Amino acid sequence: MQGERLSDWLVGLSIPAIAAGTFCLMLLAAAGGQLIRRAQNRRVKREEGETESSVAQEGYLLGSVLGLLGLLLAFTFGMALNRYEARRELVVQEANAIGTAYLRSQLLDEPYRSMLSKLLVSYTENRIQLATVGGGRGPYLERNDELLTEIWSVVKASRESALSHGLTTALLITFNEVIDRDSERKIAWNLRIPVEVLFLLLIYLGVTAAVVGHQVDGPRGKRAALVLFILVPLSITIIADLNRPMSGHARESQEPMIKLLASLKSQPPQVFDRFSTAPPDAGDPKELKGRPSR
């Protein structure tokens, strides 16, 4: 429970605040490393040979620390990116499930066909709004659950019609997939990187910055360290943005759902009745026999 509160607190922070906080953390840690180095230099007077050996060892240590930092950043970024790709894939799966349900609904008798068609169009519109709204998702979530209840009620009422057309199993499987995709996307919207991983990354950022501050000396080294302290917060901001499924800038694209909605609106139930009945007096063999030949 405490982890969820910390996660919500981190998500509530703005992206610029996270970048500035990370940069200040690394600067303070580097300053602390510099102070430790100066205190050691005042206490210990080293010989020239010992200094060369120490510099080589400290260089190996700095390289190892930076390498491990790169691995932690890559690991955390991979976790955030995998969750983003999963959400993007679920959008495509949900669009396919709704489209299939809409087409199979056209095989039912009236009024179930028209009722399900309208409900699926409204459901798709609400899903797009739910996924793109920045805040205040409560009304959209309530409407989402109401539409699902209405859809399933109509599916239940159309059981006899589906049975007469041999569609019972196919219809139930299709609408079950729609409900499953709804649950999966809701869960995916709440999946974030564990707070423990984020705090471990922040702690290691501070330790790395302290080691860099302890080892770097001279104007060139300080400029290189400053570049590192700028690039690392930029990476953290990208990770933080990907870790915000409902409020970040890097949200999954709703293009499949938008295209689906346009397709559903352009194909009302009447469109599928074009070939249901043959036009009168078109190719009737009996009437052809009675016609005089020219």
C-alpha atoms as a PDB file:
ATOM      1  CA  MET A   1       0.000   0.000   0.000  1.00  0.00           C
ATOM      2  CA  GLN A   2       2.849   2.354   0.839  1.00  0.00           C
ATOM      3  CA  GLY A   3       4.494   1.513  -2.497  1.00  0.00           C
ATOM      4  CA  GLU A   4       1.311   2.523  -4.327  1.00  0.00           C
ATOM      5  CA  ARG A   5       1.264   5.871  -2.512  1.00  0.00           C
ATOM      6  CA  LEU A   6       4.886   6.531  -3.400  1.00  0.00           C
ATOM      7  CA  SER A   7       4.179   5.561  -7.014  1.00  0.00           C
ATOM      8  CA  ASP A   8       1.194   7.930  -7.155  1.00  0.00           C
ATOM      9  CA  TRP A   9       3.339  10.700  -5.628  1.00  0.00           C
ATOM     10  CA  LEU A  10       6.045  10.201  -8.248  1.00  0.00           C
ATOM     11  CA  VAL A  11       3.463  10.180 -11.044  1.00  0.00           C
ATOM     12  CA  GLY A  12       2.021  13.403  -9.668  1.00  0.00           C
ATOM     13  CA  LEU A  13       5.333  15.224 -10.090  1.00  0.00           C
ATOM     14  CA  SER A  14       5.789  17.199 -13.280  1.00  0.00           C
ATOM     15  CA  ILE A  15       8.380  16.077 -15.821  1.00  0.00           C
ATOM     16  CA  PRO A  16      10.444  19.310 -15.502  1.00  0.00           C
ATOM     17  CA  ALA A  17      10.446  18.879 -11.723  1.00  0.00           C
ATOM     18  CA  ILE A  18      11.793  15.337 -12.074  1.00  0.00           C
ATOM     19  CA  ALA A  19      14.522  16.504 -14.463  1.00  0.00           C
ATOM     20  CA  ALA A  20      15.509  19.414 -12.216  1.00  0.00           C
ATOM     21  CA  GLY A  21      15.434  17.235  -9.115  1.00  0.00           C
ATOM     22  CA  THR A  22      17.629  14.583 -10.711  1.00  0.00           C
ATOM     23  CA  PHE A  23      20.098  17.205 -11.925  1.00  0.00           C
ATOM     24  CA  CYS A  24      20.287  18.849  -8.492  1.00  0.00           C
ATOM     25  CA  LEU A  25      20.709  15.457  -6.821  1.00  0.00           C
ATOM     26  CA  MET A  26      23.667  14.635  -9.038  1.00  0.00           C
ATOM     27  CA  LEU A  27      25.227  18.071  -8.541  1.00  0.00           C
ATOM     28  CA  LEU A  28      24.929  17.817  -4.760  1.00  0.00           C
ATOM     29  CA  ALA A  29      26.342  14.296  -4.772  1.00  0.00           C
ATOM     30  CA  ALA A  30      29.230  15.410  -6.990  1.00  0.00           C
ATOM     31  CA  ALA A  31      29.917  18.337  -4.655  1.00  0.00           C
ATOM     32  CA  GLY A  32      29.987  15.918  -1.758  1.00  0.00           C
ATOM     33  CA  GLY A  33      32.480  13.745  -3.622  1.00  0.00           C
ATOM     34  CA  GLN A  34      34.666  16.799  -4.250  1.00  0.00           C
ATOM     35  CA  LEU A  35      34.635  17.694  -0.553  1.00  0.00           C
ATOM     36  CA  ILE A  36      35.643  14.150   0.390  1.00  0.00           C
ATOM     37  CA  ARG A  37      38.511  14.264  -2.104  1.00  0.00           C
ATOM     38  CA  ARG A  38      39.805  17.576  -0.755  1.00  0.00           C
ATOM     39  CA  ALA A  39      39.632  16.313   2.808  1.00  0.00           C
ATOM     40  CA  GLN A  40      41.596  13.207   1.852  1.00  0.00           C
ATOM     41  CA  ASN A  41      44.208  15.274   0.011  1.00  0.00           C
ATOM     42  CA  ARG A  42      44.751  17.455   3.073  1.00  0.00           C
ATOM     43  CA  ARG A  43      45.132  14.484   5.402  1.00  0.00           C
ATOM     44  CA  VAL A  44      47.237  12.183   3.300  1.00  0.00           C
ATOM     45  CA  LYS A  45      50.409  13.207   1.549  1.00  0.00           C
ATOM     46  CA  ARG A  46      51.075  10.723  -1.238  1.00  0.00           C
ATOM     47  CA  GLU A  47      54.251   9.930  -3.040  1.00  0.00           C
ATOM     48  CA  GLU A  48      54.465  10.255  -6.815  1.00  0.00           C
ATOM     49  CA  GLY A  49      54.557   6.495  -7.533  1.00  0.00           C
ATOM     50  CA  GLU A  50      51.628   5.809  -5.277  1.00  0.00           C
ATOM     51  CA  THR A  51      49.644   8.573  -6.976  1.00  0.00           C
ATOM     52  CA  GLU A  52      50.004   6.989 -10.426  1.00  0.00           C
ATOM     53  CA  SER A  53      48.867   3.622  -9.098  1.00  0.00           C
ATOM     54  CA  SER A  54      45.923   5.183  -7.289  1.00  0.00           C
ATOM     55  CA  VAL A  55      44.855   7.113 -10.379  1.00  0.00           C
ATOM     56  CA  ALA A  56      44.765   3.907 -12.429  1.00  0.00           C
ATOM     57  CA  GLN A  57      42.702   2.093  -9.805  1.00  0.00           C
ATOM     58  CA  GLU A  58      40.324   5.010  -9.452  1.00  0.00           C
ATOM     59  CA  GLY A  59      39.911   5.106 -13.241  1.00  0.00           C
ATOM     60  CA  TYR A  60      38.883   1.434 -13.264  1.00  0.00           C
ATOM     61  CA  LEU A  61      36.446   2.085 -10.436  1.00  0.00           C
ATOM     62  CA  LEU A  62      34.879   5.061 -12.247  1.00  0.00           C
ATOM     63  CA  GLY A  63      34.499   3.054 -15.459  1.00  0.00           C
ATOM     64  CA  SER A  64      32.823   0.198 -13.582  1.00  0.00           C
ATOM     65  CA  VAL A  65      30.411   2.535 -11.808  1.00  0.00           C
ATOM     66  CA  LEU A  66      29.428   4.275 -15.052  1.00  0.00           C
ATOM     67  CA  GLY A  67      28.989   0.927 -16.811  1.00  0.00           C
ATOM     68  CA  LEU A  68      26.659  -0.316 -14.091  1.00  0.00           C
ATOM     69  CA  LEU A  69      24.723   2.939 -14.262  1.00  0.00           C
ATOM     70  CA  GLY A  70      24.238   2.396 -17.987  1.00  0.00           C
ATOM     71  CA  LEU A  71      22.909  -1.113 -17.323  1.00  0.00           C
ATOM     72  CA  LEU A  72      20.450   0.132 -14.712  1.00  0.00           C
ATOM     73  CA  LEU A  73      19.204   2.886 -17.028  1.00  0.00           C
ATOM     74  CA  ALA A  74      18.826   0.409 -19.900  1.00  0.00           C
ATOM     75  CA  PHE A  75      17.014  -2.078 -17.650  1.00  0.00           C
ATOM     76  CA  THR A  76      14.585   0.561 -16.335  1.00  0.00           C
ATOM     77  CA  PHE A  77      14.006   2.026 -19.795  1.00  0.00           C
ATOM     78  CA  GLY A  78      13.350  -1.487 -21.136  1.00  0.00           C
ATOM     79  CA  MET A  79      10.699  -2.094 -18.471  1.00  0.00           C
ATOM     80  CA  ALA A  80       8.911   1.172 -19.313  1.00  0.00           C
ATOM     81  CA  LEU A  81       9.149   0.571 -23.071  1.00  0.00           C
ATOM     82  CA  ASN A  82       7.820  -2.998 -22.786  1.00  0.00           C
ATOM     83  CA  ARG A  83       4.767  -1.726 -20.938  1.00  0.00           C
ATOM     84  CA  TYR A  84       4.235   0.926 -23.605  1.00  0.00           C
ATOM     85  CA  GLU A  85       4.450  -1.665 -26.405  1.00  0.00           C
ATOM     86  CA  ALA A  86       1.999  -3.904 -24.547  1.00  0.00           C
ATOM     87  CA  ARG A  87      -0.511  -1.048 -24.301  1.00  0.00           C
ATOM     88  CA  ARG A  88      -0.057  -0.249 -27.991  1.00  0.00           C
ATOM     89  CA  GLU A  89      -0.658  -3.878 -28.957  1.00  0.00           C
ATOM     90  CA  LEU A  90      -3.801  -4.016 -26.814  1.00  0.00           C
ATOM     91  CA  VAL A  91      -5.256  -1.087 -28.781  1.00  0.00           C
ATOM     92  CA  VAL A  92      -4.932  -3.085 -32.011  1.00  0.00           C
ATOM     93  CA  GLN A  93      -6.397  -6.203 -30.389  1.00  0.00           C
ATOM     94  CA  GLU A  94      -9.359  -4.292 -28.988  1.00  0.00           C
ATOM     95  CA  ALA A  95     -10.068  -2.632 -32.339  1.00  0.00           C
ATOM     96  CA  ASN A  96     -10.050  -6.031 -34.037  1.00  0.00           C
ATOM     97  CA  ALA A  97     -12.340  -7.524 -31.369  1.00  0.00           C
ATOM     98  CA  ILE A  98     -14.878  -4.705 -31.648  1.00  0.00           C
ATOM     99  CA  GLY A  99     -14.808  -4.816 -35.448  1.00  0.00           C
ATOM    100  CA  THR A 100     -15.428  -8.563 -35.460  1.00  0.00           C
ATOM    101  CA  ALA A 101     -18.263  -8.194 -32.947  1.00  0.00           C
ATOM    102  CA  TYR A 102     -19.874  -5.512 -35.118  1.00  0.00           C
ATOM    103  CA  LEU A 103     -19.759  -7.674 -38.243  1.00  0.00           C
ATOM    104  CA  ARG A 104     -21.141 -10.756 -36.517  1.00  0.00           C
ATOM    105  CA  SER A 105     -23.918  -8.657 -35.020  1.00  0.00           C
ATOM    106  CA  GLN A 106     -25.175  -7.987 -38.551  1.00  0.00           C
ATOM    107  CA  LEU A 107     -26.160 -11.662 -38.831  1.00  0.00           C
ATOM    108  CA  LEU A 108     -28.731 -11.320 -36.049  1.00  0.00           C
ATOM    109  CA  ASP A 109     -32.387 -10.434 -36.483  1.00  0.00           C
ATOM    110  CA  GLU A 110     -33.863  -7.069 -35.647  1.00  0.00           C
ATOM    111  CA  PRO A 111     -34.007  -5.295 -33.256  1.00  0.00           C
ATOM    112  CA  TYR A 112     -30.874  -6.910 -31.809  1.00  0.00           C
ATOM    113  CA  ARG A 113     -28.754  -6.107 -34.832  1.00  0.00           C
ATOM    114  CA  SER A 114     -29.437  -2.357 -34.695  1.00  0.00           C
ATOM    115  CA  MET A 115     -29.187  -2.255 -30.913  1.00  0.00           C
ATOM    116  CA  LEU A 116     -25.787  -3.917 -30.826  1.00  0.00           C
ATOM    117  CA  SER A 117     -24.525  -1.806 -33.706  1.00  0.00           C
ATOM    118  CA  LYS A 118     -25.396   1.448 -31.940  1.00  0.00           C
ATOM    119  CA  LEU A 119     -24.001   0.245 -28.635  1.00  0.00           C
ATOM    120  CA  LEU A 120     -20.688  -0.793 -30.212  1.00  0.00           C
ATOM    121  CA  VAL A 121     -20.342   2.607 -31.896  1.00  0.00           C
ATOM    122  CA  SER A 122     -21.003   4.387 -28.588  1.00  0.00           C
ATOM    123  CA  TYR A 123     -18.629   2.023 -26.791  1.00  0.00           C
ATOM    124  CA  THR A 124     -15.842   2.725 -29.287  1.00  0.00           C
ATOM    125  CA  GLU A 125     -16.325   6.490 -28.961  1.00  0.00           C
ATOM    126  CA  ASN A 126     -16.176   6.262 -25.184  1.00  0.00           C
ATOM    127  CA  ARG A 127     -13.049   4.081 -25.282  1.00  0.00           C
ATOM    128  CA  ILE A 128     -11.238   6.663 -27.408  1.00  0.00           C
ATOM    129  CA  GLN A 129     -12.228   9.460 -25.034  1.00  0.00           C
ATOM    130  CA  LEU A 130     -11.233   7.375 -22.023  1.00  0.00           C
ATOM    131  CA  ALA A 131      -7.778   6.721 -23.455  1.00  0.00           C
ATOM    132  CA  THR A 132      -7.090  10.311 -24.516  1.00  0.00           C
ATOM    133  CA  VAL A 133      -8.540  12.349 -21.648  1.00  0.00           C
ATOM    134  CA  GLY A 134      -5.908  13.804 -19.345  1.00  0.00           C
ATOM    135  CA  GLY A 135      -7.823  13.797 -16.069  1.00  0.00           C
ATOM    136  CA  GLY A 136     -11.309  13.208 -14.714  1.00  0.00           C
ATOM    137  CA  ARG A 137     -11.703   9.710 -16.121  1.00  0.00           C
ATOM    138  CA  GLY A 138     -14.440   8.797 -13.629  1.00  0.00           C
ATOM    139  CA  PRO A 139     -17.460   9.612 -15.846  1.00  0.00           C
ATOM    140  CA  TYR A 140     -15.910   7.828 -18.829  1.00  0.00           C
ATOM    141  CA  LEU A 141     -15.181   4.738 -16.739  1.00  0.00           C
ATOM    142  CA  GLU A 142     -18.768   4.684 -15.454  1.00  0.00           C
ATOM    143  CA  ARG A 143     -20.122   5.077 -18.970  1.00  0.00           C
ATOM    144  CA  ASN A 144     -17.756   2.333 -20.143  1.00  0.00           C
ATOM    145  CA  ASP A 145     -19.109  -0.153 -17.603  1.00  0.00           C
ATOM    146  CA  GLU A 146     -22.713   0.848 -18.346  1.00  0.00           C
ATOM    147  CA  LEU A 147     -22.210   0.231 -22.063  1.00  0.00           C
ATOM    148  CA  LEU A 148     -20.659  -3.169 -21.417  1.00  0.00           C
ATOM    149  CA  THR A 149     -23.649  -4.130 -19.267  1.00  0.00           C
ATOM    150  CA  GLU A 150     -26.069  -2.987 -21.962  1.00  0.00           C
ATOM    151  CA  ILE A 151     -24.136  -4.832 -24.670  1.00  0.00           C
ATOM    152  CA  TRP A 152     -24.142  -8.076 -22.745  1.00  0.00           C
ATOM    153  CA  SER A 153     -27.858  -7.671 -21.950  1.00  0.00           C
ATOM    154  CA  VAL A 154     -28.648  -7.393 -25.649  1.00  0.00           C
ATOM    155  CA  VAL A 155     -26.402 -10.384 -26.426  1.00  0.00           C
ATOM    156  CA  LYS A 156     -28.299 -12.399 -23.837  1.00  0.00           C
ATOM    157  CA  ALA A 157     -31.654 -11.291 -25.243  1.00  0.00           C
ATOM    158  CA  SER A 158     -30.570 -12.244 -28.786  1.00  0.00           C
ATOM    159  CA  ARG A 159     -29.851 -15.832 -27.821  1.00  0.00           C
ATOM    160  CA  GLU A 160     -32.809 -17.270 -29.726  1.00  0.00           C
ATOM    161  CA  SER A 161     -31.939 -15.275 -32.838  1.00  0.00           C
ATOM    162  CA  ALA A 162     -28.309 -16.382 -32.631  1.00  0.00           C
ATOM    163  CA  LEU A 163     -29.388 -19.993 -32.101  1.00  0.00           C
ATOM    164  CA  SER A 164     -31.636 -19.951 -35.174  1.00  0.00           C
ATOM    165  CA  HIS A 165     -28.709 -18.745 -37.298  1.00  0.00           C
ATOM    166  CA  GLY A 166     -26.144 -21.039 -35.680  1.00  0.00           C
ATOM    167  CA  LEU A 167     -24.197 -18.096 -34.238  1.00  0.00           C
ATOM    168  CA  THR A 168     -24.439 -18.729 -30.505  1.00  0.00           C
ATOM    169  CA  THR A 169     -20.870 -19.888 -29.912  1.00  0.00           C
ATOM    170  CA  ALA A 170     -19.275 -17.422 -32.320  1.00  0.00           C
ATOM    171  CA  LEU A 171     -21.270 -14.512 -30.893  1.00  0.00           C
ATOM    172  CA  LEU A 172     -20.425 -15.337 -27.284  1.00  0.00           C
ATOM    173  CA  ILE A 173     -16.721 -15.791 -28.047  1.00  0.00           C
ATOM    174  CA  THR A 174     -16.584 -12.487 -29.916  1.00  0.00           C
ATOM    175  CA  PHE A 175     -18.208 -10.408 -27.200  1.00  0.00           C
ATOM    176  CA  ASN A 176     -16.199 -12.186 -24.529  1.00  0.00           C
ATOM    177  CA  GLU A 177     -13.078 -10.982 -26.348  1.00  0.00           C
ATOM    178  CA  VAL A 178     -14.396  -7.415 -26.260  1.00  0.00           C
ATOM    179  CA  ILE A 179     -14.873  -7.676 -22.497  1.00  0.00           C
ATOM    180  CA  ASP A 180     -11.450  -9.302 -22.046  1.00  0.00           C
ATOM    181  CA  ARG A 181      -9.701  -6.528 -23.976  1.00  0.00           C
ATOM    182  CA  ASP A 182     -11.507  -3.990 -21.800  1.00  0.00           C
ATOM    183  CA  SER A 183     -10.143  -5.595 -18.621  1.00  0.00           C
ATOM    184  CA  GLU A 184      -6.645  -5.988 -20.038  1.00  0.00           C
ATOM    185  CA  ARG A 185      -6.395  -2.344 -21.078  1.00  0.00           C
ATOM    186  CA  LYS A 186      -7.638  -1.147 -17.684  1.00  0.00           C
ATOM    187  CA  ILE A 187      -4.960  -3.229 -15.980  1.00  0.00           C
ATOM    188  CA  ALA A 188      -2.290  -2.029 -18.419  1.00  0.00           C
ATOM    189  CA  TRP A 189      -3.157   1.604 -17.650  1.00  0.00           C
ATOM    190  CA  ASN A 190      -2.289   1.001 -13.996  1.00  0.00           C
ATOM    191  CA  LEU A 191       0.953  -0.917 -14.559  1.00  0.00           C
ATOM    192  CA  ARG A 192       4.035   1.094 -13.656  1.00  0.00           C
ATOM    193  CA  ILE A 193       7.668   0.421 -12.897  1.00  0.00           C
ATOM    194  CA  PRO A 194       7.996  -0.808  -9.286  1.00  0.00           C
ATOM    195  CA  VAL A 195       8.852   1.989  -6.879  1.00  0.00           C
ATOM    196  CA  GLU A 196      11.755  -0.054  -5.519  1.00  0.00           C
ATOM    197  CA  VAL A 197      13.409  -0.035  -8.936  1.00  0.00           C
ATOM    198  CA  LEU A 198      13.004   3.737  -9.254  1.00  0.00           C
ATOM    199  CA  PHE A 199      14.453   4.408  -5.809  1.00  0.00           C
ATOM    200  CA  LEU A 200      17.353   2.054  -6.486  1.00  0.00           C
ATOM    201  CA  LEU A 201      18.047   3.984  -9.678  1.00  0.00           C
ATOM    202  CA  LEU A 202      17.955   7.338  -7.865  1.00  0.00           C
ATOM    203  CA  ILE A 203      20.256   6.082  -5.112  1.00  0.00           C
ATOM    204  CA  TYR A 204      22.701   4.745  -7.662  1.00  0.00           C
ATOM    205  CA  LEU A 205      22.564   8.034  -9.553  1.00  0.00           C
ATOM    206  CA  GLY A 206      23.626   9.810  -6.381  1.00  0.00           C
ATOM    207  CA  VAL A 207      26.441   7.325  -5.700  1.00  0.00           C
ATOM    208  CA  THR A 208      27.674   7.571  -9.300  1.00  0.00           C
ATOM    209  CA  ALA A 209      27.634  11.362  -9.192  1.00  0.00           C
ATOM    210  CA  ALA A 210      29.590  11.289  -5.926  1.00  0.00           C
ATOM    211  CA  VAL A 211      32.214   8.984  -7.450  1.00  0.00           C
ATOM    212  CA  VAL A 212      32.455  11.204 -10.534  1.00  0.00           C
ATOM    213  CA  GLY A 213      32.858  14.281  -8.342  1.00  0.00           C
ATOM    214  CA  HIS A 214      35.513  12.497  -6.310  1.00  0.00           C
ATOM    215  CA  GLN A 215      37.529  11.401  -9.345  1.00  0.00           C
ATOM    216  CA  VAL A 216      37.115  14.262 -11.810  1.00  0.00           C
ATOM    217  CA  ASP A 217      39.560  17.122 -11.543  1.00  0.00           C
ATOM    218  CA  GLY A 218      40.387  20.060 -13.779  1.00  0.00           C
ATOM    219  CA  PRO A 219      38.206  22.146 -16.137  1.00  0.00           C
ATOM    220  CA  ARG A 220      37.985  19.481 -18.858  1.00  0.00           C
ATOM    221  CA  GLY A 221      36.899  16.793 -16.433  1.00  0.00           C
ATOM    222  CA  LYS A 222      34.295  19.049 -14.876  1.00  0.00           C
ATOM    223  CA  ARG A 223      32.857  19.943 -18.294  1.00  0.00           C
ATOM    224  CA  ALA A 224      32.600  16.249 -19.173  1.00  0.00           C
ATOM    225  CA  ALA A 225      30.888  15.559 -15.840  1.00  0.00           C
ATOM    226  CA  LEU A 226      28.417  18.390 -16.499  1.00  0.00           C
ATOM    227  CA  VAL A 227      27.497  16.861 -19.857  1.00  0.00           C
ATOM    228  CA  LEU A 228      26.883  13.533 -18.091  1.00  0.00           C
ATOM    229  CA  PHE A 229      24.748  15.261 -15.453  1.00  0.00           C
ATOM    230  CA  ILE A 230      22.602  16.763 -18.232  1.00  0.00           C
ATOM    231  CA  LEU A 231      22.185  13.580 -20.307  1.00  0.00           C
ATOM    232  CA  VAL A 232      21.227  11.350 -17.391  1.00  0.00           C
ATOM    233  CA  PRO A 233      18.258  13.515 -16.258  1.00  0.00           C
ATOM    234  CA  LEU A 234      17.049  13.590 -19.860  1.00  0.00           C
ATOM    235  CA  SER A 235      16.994   9.790 -19.843  1.00  0.00           C
ATOM    236  CA  ILE A 236      15.150   9.825 -16.524  1.00  0.00           C
ATOM    237  CA  THR A 237      12.478  12.151 -17.918  1.00  0.00           C
ATOM    238  CA  ILE A 238      11.822   9.797 -20.833  1.00  0.00           C
ATOM    239  CA  ILE A 239      11.487   6.860 -18.444  1.00  0.00           C
ATOM    240  CA  ALA A 240       9.165   8.893 -16.195  1.00  0.00           C
ATOM    241  CA  ASP A 241       7.003   9.896 -19.161  1.00  0.00           C
ATOM    242  CA  LEU A 242       6.684   6.318 -20.412  1.00  0.00           C
ATOM    243  CA  ASN A 243       5.764   5.307 -16.857  1.00  0.00           C
ATOM    244  CA  ARG A 244       2.609   7.472 -17.008  1.00  0.00           C
ATOM    245  CA  PRO A 245       0.117   5.582 -19.192  1.00  0.00           C
ATOM    246  CA  MET A 246      -2.770   8.013 -18.646  1.00  0.00           C
ATOM    247  CA  SER A 247      -1.051  11.358 -18.072  1.00  0.00           C
ATOM    248  CA  GLY A 248       2.259  11.251 -19.945  1.00  0.00           C
ATOM    249  CA  HIS A 249       2.989  12.619 -23.384  1.00  0.00           C
ATOM    250  CA  ALA A 250       4.161   9.252 -24.748  1.00  0.00           C
ATOM    251  CA  ARG A 251       0.759   7.544 -24.788  1.00  0.00           C
ATOM    252  CA  GLU A 252      -0.117   4.684 -27.052  1.00  0.00           C
ATOM    253  CA  SER A 253      -1.629   5.746 -30.362  1.00  0.00           C
ATOM    254  CA  GLN A 254      -5.414   5.419 -30.695  1.00  0.00           C
ATOM    255  CA  GLU A 255      -5.244   5.380 -34.495  1.00  0.00           C
ATOM    256  CA  PRO A 256      -6.633   1.797 -34.812  1.00  0.00           C
ATOM    257  CA  MET A 257      -9.657   2.730 -32.688  1.00  0.00           C
ATOM    258  CA  ILE A 258     -10.184   6.004 -34.562  1.00  0.00           C
ATOM    259  CA  LYS A 259     -10.100   4.203 -37.910  1.00  0.00           C
ATOM    260  CA  LEU A 260     -12.461   1.566 -36.549  1.00  0.00           C
ATOM    261  CA  LEU A 261     -14.930   4.216 -35.402  1.00  0.00           C
ATOM    262  CA  ALA A 262     -14.895   5.850 -38.834  1.00  0.00           C
ATOM    263  CA  SER A 263     -15.483   2.463 -40.441  1.00  0.00           C
ATOM    264  CA  LEU A 264     -18.398   1.623 -38.127  1.00  0.00           C
ATOM    265  CA  LYS A 265     -20.096   4.961 -38.774  1.00  0.00           C
ATOM    266  CA  SER A 266     -19.687   4.581 -42.531  1.00  0.00           C
ATOM    267  CA  GLN A 267     -21.239   1.095 -42.447  1.00  0.00           C
ATOM    268  CA  PRO A 268     -24.617   1.205 -40.684  1.00  0.00           C
ATOM    269  CA  PRO A 269     -26.658  -2.002 -40.584  1.00  0.00           C
ATOM    270  CA  GLN A 270     -28.567  -1.051 -43.742  1.00  0.00           C
ATOM    271  CA  VAL A 271     -25.362  -1.263 -45.781  1.00  0.00           C
ATOM    272  CA  PHE A 272     -25.218  -5.009 -45.250  1.00  0.00           C
ATOM    273  CA  ASP A 273     -28.748  -5.530 -46.653  1.00  0.00           C
ATOM    274  CA  ARG A 274     -27.811  -4.770 -50.260  1.00  0.00           C
ATOM    275  CA  PHE A 275     -27.823  -8.401 -51.369  1.00  0.00           C
ATOM    276  CA  SER A 276     -30.258  -9.831 -48.828  1.00  0.00           C
ATOM    277  CA  THR A 277     -33.265  -9.678 -51.213  1.00  0.00           C
ATOM    278  CA  ALA A 278     -33.176 -10.020 -55.005  1.00  0.00           C
ATOM    279  CA  PRO A 279     -34.756  -7.244 -57.093  1.00  0.00           C
ATOM    280  CA  PRO A 280     -38.174  -8.089 -58.521  1.00  0.00           C
ATOM    281  CA  ASP A 281     -38.479  -9.557 -62.035  1.00  0.00           C
ATOM    282  CA  ALA A 282     -34.727 -10.092 -62.278  1.00  0.00           C
ATOM    283  CA  GLY A 283     -33.958 -13.308 -64.042  1.00  0.00           C
ATOM    284  CA  ASP A 284     -37.067 -15.291 -63.024  1.00  0.00           C
ATOM    285  CA  PRO A 285     -37.084 -18.422 -65.250  1.00  0.00           C
ATOM    286  CA  LYS A 286     -40.896 -18.572 -65.382  1.00  0.00           C
ATOM    287  CA  GLU A 287     -41.203 -15.009 -66.588  1.00  0.00           C
ATOM    288  CA  LEU A 288     -38.411 -15.514 -69.087  1.00  0.00           C
ATOM    289  CA  LYS A 289     -40.300 -18.417 -70.645  1.00  0.00           C
ATOM    290  CA  GLY A 290     -43.402 -16.254 -71.148  1.00  0.00           C
ATOM    291  CA  ARG A 291     -41.569 -13.432 -72.848  1.00  0.00           C
ATOM    292  CA  PRO A 292     -41.584 -13.359 -76.651  1.00  0.00           C
ATOM    293  CA  SER A 293     -38.202 -13.626 -78.224  1.00  0.00           C
ATOM    294  CA  ARG A 294     -37.011 -10.780 -80.367  1.00  0.00           C
END
